[in-house]
C-alpha cells in the first residue's frame, strides 16, 4: 500500500521526481517540500517532465494543474488529464512572486520583465503599473538565471524569492501577485499500471 506521498510501503530509497522549470522554480520548491528525500530533476517543459515519468527515468512527476487566480494551468492540466497517470498526492501551495534584478539595479532602471506566461498572468495588474516590456520565458527561475547571466540592470525577472538567492539577484519588490491568496495546486503523479 503506497503512503500519501507515493512511496511504496517499505521503500525508503530516494526516487527521482520530474518537474518543469529550472532549479529555484515554484515546482522545484514544491518538489523539495513534498518529496524531500527524492532527487528533483528539472525539465524545460511539462511534456518533458511527463515523458521522463513514462520512460522510467523518474519514479514520479510533480505538475501544477490549477491556480487560484487564473484557473487551469494549461497545457499542463490537459497533459495530466490525457496522460493515463495515477495521482499520488494533491497539494495546494501559496505562490508569492518577487521582482528581482542584478545587484545595484533600481526599480526605475527596469525596462523589461521576464517570466513564465502563467506567472505573468498571475501578476498582470501589478506588472501593468510598472510600465516595463513583458518578455515570456520558459520558466520563472530560468528567467532569473538568464537575468543574472546577462548582468544588465535594465532587465528583471518575476520569480520565487528563492531564485534571487540561487542566482545572486536582489529583490526589488515582493508580492507582485494580483491576489494576496494566490495558490497553485500541484499533483504528484506516477504511471497508472492498473
Protein backbone atom coordinates (compact mmCIF):
# COMPACT_ATOMS: atom_id res chain seq x y z
CA UNK A 1 0.00 0.00 0.00
CA UNK A 2 1.59 3.36 -1.01
CA UNK A 3 1.93 6.13 1.53
CA UNK A 4 0.21 9.52 0.98
CA UNK A 5 3.19 10.89 -0.93
CA UNK A 6 3.51 7.94 -3.23
CA UNK A 7 6.34 5.82 -1.87
CA UNK A 8 5.53 2.09 -1.83
CA UNK A 9 5.38 0.52 1.62
CA UNK A 10 8.85 -0.47 2.93
CA UNK A 11 10.57 1.55 0.18
CA UNK A 12 12.78 4.18 1.77
CA UNK A 13 15.11 4.55 -1.21
CA UNK A 14 15.13 8.03 -2.70
CA UNK A 15 13.48 8.34 -6.07
CA UNK A 16 13.66 10.86 -8.87
CA UNK A 17 10.80 13.33 -9.24
CA UNK A 18 10.45 15.23 -12.54
CA UNK A 19 9.30 18.84 -12.67
CA UNK A 20 9.08 21.63 -15.25
CA UNK A 21 11.46 24.51 -14.73
CA UNK A 22 14.94 25.43 -13.57
CA UNK A 23 16.25 24.95 -10.03
CA UNK A 24 14.55 27.56 -7.84
CA UNK A 25 11.22 27.44 -9.71
CA UNK A 26 7.93 27.10 -7.83
CA UNK A 27 7.69 23.48 -8.98
CA UNK A 28 11.21 22.83 -7.68
CA UNK A 29 10.27 24.35 -4.30
CA UNK A 30 7.15 22.16 -4.22
CA UNK A 31 9.22 19.03 -5.04
CA UNK A 32 11.61 19.65 -2.17
CA UNK A 33 8.73 20.31 0.23
CA UNK A 34 6.57 17.36 -0.80
CA UNK A 35 9.33 14.81 -1.57
CA UNK A 36 12.34 16.00 0.49
CA UNK A 37 14.27 12.71 0.25
CA UNK A 38 13.86 12.43 -3.53
CA UNK A 39 16.07 13.97 -6.20
CA UNK A 40 14.23 16.75 -8.06
CA UNK A 41 15.02 16.56 -11.80
CA UNK A 42 14.35 19.67 -13.94
CA UNK A 43 12.86 19.63 -17.46
CA UNK A 44 12.23 22.51 -19.87
CA UNK A 45 8.59 21.60 -20.44
CA UNK A 46 5.63 19.88 -18.80
CA UNK A 47 5.71 17.31 -21.61
CA UNK A 48 9.40 16.64 -20.97
CA UNK A 49 8.77 16.00 -17.27
CA UNK A 50 5.90 13.62 -18.06
CA UNK A 51 7.96 11.84 -20.72
CA UNK A 52 10.62 11.18 -18.04
CA UNK A 53 7.92 9.55 -15.93
CA UNK A 54 6.67 7.44 -18.86
CA UNK A 55 10.20 6.30 -19.75
CA UNK A 56 11.00 5.29 -16.18
CA UNK A 57 13.79 7.87 -15.87
CA UNK A 58 11.82 9.34 -12.95
CA UNK A 59 9.59 7.50 -10.50
CA UNK A 60 7.17 10.42 -10.10
CA UNK A 61 6.42 13.85 -11.59
CA UNK A 62 5.10 16.95 -9.84
CA UNK A 63 2.97 19.11 -12.12
CA UNK A 64 0.98 22.33 -11.47
CA UNK A 65 -2.57 21.94 -12.77
CA UNK A 66 -4.60 24.80 -11.29
CA UNK A 67 -4.08 28.29 -9.88
CA UNK A 68 -6.49 30.16 -7.61
CA UNK A 69 -6.05 33.39 -9.61
CA UNK A 70 -6.10 32.24 -13.24
CA UNK A 71 -7.73 28.79 -13.18
CA UNK A 72 -6.33 25.80 -15.05
CA UNK A 73 -2.59 25.76 -15.74
CA UNK A 74 -2.64 24.89 -19.43
CA UNK A 75 -1.20 22.91 -21.15
CA UNK A 76 -0.12 21.03 -18.00
CA UNK A 77 -3.68 20.24 -16.92
CA UNK A 78 -4.52 18.79 -20.33
CA UNK A 79 -1.37 16.65 -20.40
CA UNK A 80 -2.21 15.26 -16.96
CA UNK A 81 -5.86 14.56 -17.86
CA UNK A 82 -4.94 12.77 -21.07
CA UNK A 83 -1.79 11.01 -19.85
CA UNK A 84 -3.03 7.90 -18.05
CA UNK A 85 -1.36 8.79 -14.76
CA UNK A 86 -2.24 7.97 -11.18
CA UNK A 87 -2.40 10.88 -8.71
CA UNK A 88 -0.48 10.07 -5.54
CA UNK A 89 -0.89 13.46 -3.86
CA UNK A 90 -2.80 16.67 -4.48
CA UNK A 91 -1.37 19.75 -2.73
CA UNK A 92 -2.21 23.46 -2.80
CA UNK A 93 0.80 25.73 -2.16
CA UNK A 94 0.97 29.52 -1.72
CA UNK A 95 2.66 31.31 -4.63
CA UNK A 96 4.39 34.63 -3.99
CA UNK A 97 6.07 36.37 -6.91
CA UNK A 98 9.09 38.64 -6.48
CA UNK A 99 10.64 41.06 -8.94
CA UNK A 100 14.43 40.63 -9.00
CA UNK A 101 17.39 42.09 -10.83
CA UNK A 102 21.17 42.23 -10.68
CA UNK A 103 22.71 43.80 -7.57
CA UNK A 104 22.63 47.58 -7.70
CA UNK A 105 19.69 47.80 -10.12
CA UNK A 106 16.79 50.01 -9.06
CA UNK A 107 13.13 49.66 -9.90
CA UNK A 108 13.40 52.82 -12.02
CA UNK A 109 16.12 51.11 -14.14
CA UNK A 110 13.89 48.22 -15.22
CA UNK A 111 12.83 48.20 -18.89
CA UNK A 112 11.96 44.51 -19.32
CA UNK A 113 10.44 41.87 -17.03
CA UNK A 114 10.84 38.19 -17.91
CA UNK A 115 8.94 35.17 -16.62
CA UNK A 116 6.82 32.13 -17.46
CA UNK A 117 3.44 33.09 -19.02
CA UNK A 118 1.48 31.52 -16.12
CA UNK A 119 3.39 33.67 -13.60
CA UNK A 120 2.91 36.77 -15.75
CA UNK A 121 -0.86 36.12 -15.84
CA UNK A 122 -0.97 35.90 -12.03
CA UNK A 123 0.62 39.38 -11.80
CA UNK A 124 -0.93 41.12 -14.81
CA UNK A 125 -2.43 44.11 -12.95
CA UNK A 126 0.62 44.85 -10.81
CA UNK A 127 3.03 44.38 -13.70
CA UNK A 128 0.98 46.79 -15.80
CA UNK A 129 1.63 49.50 -13.22
CA UNK A 130 5.39 49.15 -13.68
CA UNK A 131 5.33 50.09 -17.38
CA UNK A 132 8.08 47.66 -18.43
CA UNK A 133 8.06 45.47 -21.53
CA UNK A 134 6.98 41.91 -20.71
CA UNK A 135 9.06 39.05 -22.12
CA UNK A 136 7.85 35.44 -21.99
CA UNK A 137 10.39 32.90 -20.73
CA UNK A 138 10.23 29.10 -20.41
CA UNK A 139 10.27 29.32 -16.61
CA UNK A 140 10.31 31.69 -13.64
CA UNK A 141 13.67 30.55 -12.23
CA UNK A 142 15.03 30.18 -15.75
CA UNK A 143 14.22 33.86 -16.30
CA UNK A 144 16.07 34.71 -13.06
CA UNK A 145 19.09 32.71 -14.22
CA UNK A 146 19.03 34.49 -17.62
CA UNK A 147 18.81 37.93 -15.98
CA UNK A 148 21.73 37.08 -13.69
CA UNK A 149 23.87 35.81 -16.57
CA UNK A 150 23.12 38.89 -18.71
CA UNK A 151 24.14 41.26 -15.91
CA UNK A 152 22.07 44.13 -17.33
CA UNK A 153 20.44 46.42 -14.73
CA UNK A 154 17.54 47.16 -17.11
CA UNK A 155 16.33 43.53 -17.01
CA UNK A 156 14.28 41.94 -14.21
CA UNK A 157 12.74 38.55 -13.60
CA UNK A 158 9.46 37.64 -11.93
CA UNK A 159 10.24 34.52 -9.91
CA UNK A 160 10.11 32.86 -6.48
CA UNK A 161 12.11 34.63 -3.78
CA UNK A 162 14.43 31.62 -3.56
CA UNK A 163 15.50 32.17 -7.18
CA UNK A 164 17.05 35.51 -6.18
CA UNK A 165 19.32 33.73 -3.73
CA UNK A 166 20.05 30.87 -6.13
CA UNK A 167 21.19 33.21 -8.92
CA UNK A 168 22.67 36.11 -6.94
CA UNK A 169 19.92 38.64 -7.66
CA UNK A 170 18.40 41.32 -5.45
CA UNK A 171 14.67 41.52 -4.82
CA UNK A 172 13.27 44.87 -5.93
CA UNK A 173 9.70 44.15 -4.87
CA UNK A 174 7.91 41.27 -3.14
CA UNK A 175 4.34 40.05 -3.59
CA UNK A 176 3.60 41.14 -7.14
CA UNK A 177 0.80 38.58 -7.46
CA UNK A 178 -2.57 40.26 -8.04
CA UNK A 179 -4.26 38.14 -5.37
CA UNK A 180 -2.92 38.03 -1.82
CA UNK A 181 -4.22 34.45 -1.60
CA UNK A 182 -2.54 33.24 -4.80
CA UNK A 183 -2.11 29.45 -4.62
CA UNK A 184 -1.28 26.68 -7.06
CA UNK A 185 -2.47 23.09 -6.98
CA UNK A 186 0.27 20.56 -7.70
CA UNK A 187 -0.36 16.89 -8.38
CA UNK A 188 2.23 14.20 -7.73
CA UNK A 189 1.91 11.58 -10.46
CA UNK A 190 3.08 8.07 -11.17
CA UNK A 191 2.24 5.72 -14.03
CA UNK A 192 -1.19 4.15 -13.76
CA UNK A 193 -0.38 0.46 -14.05
CA UNK A 194 -3.87 -0.67 -13.18
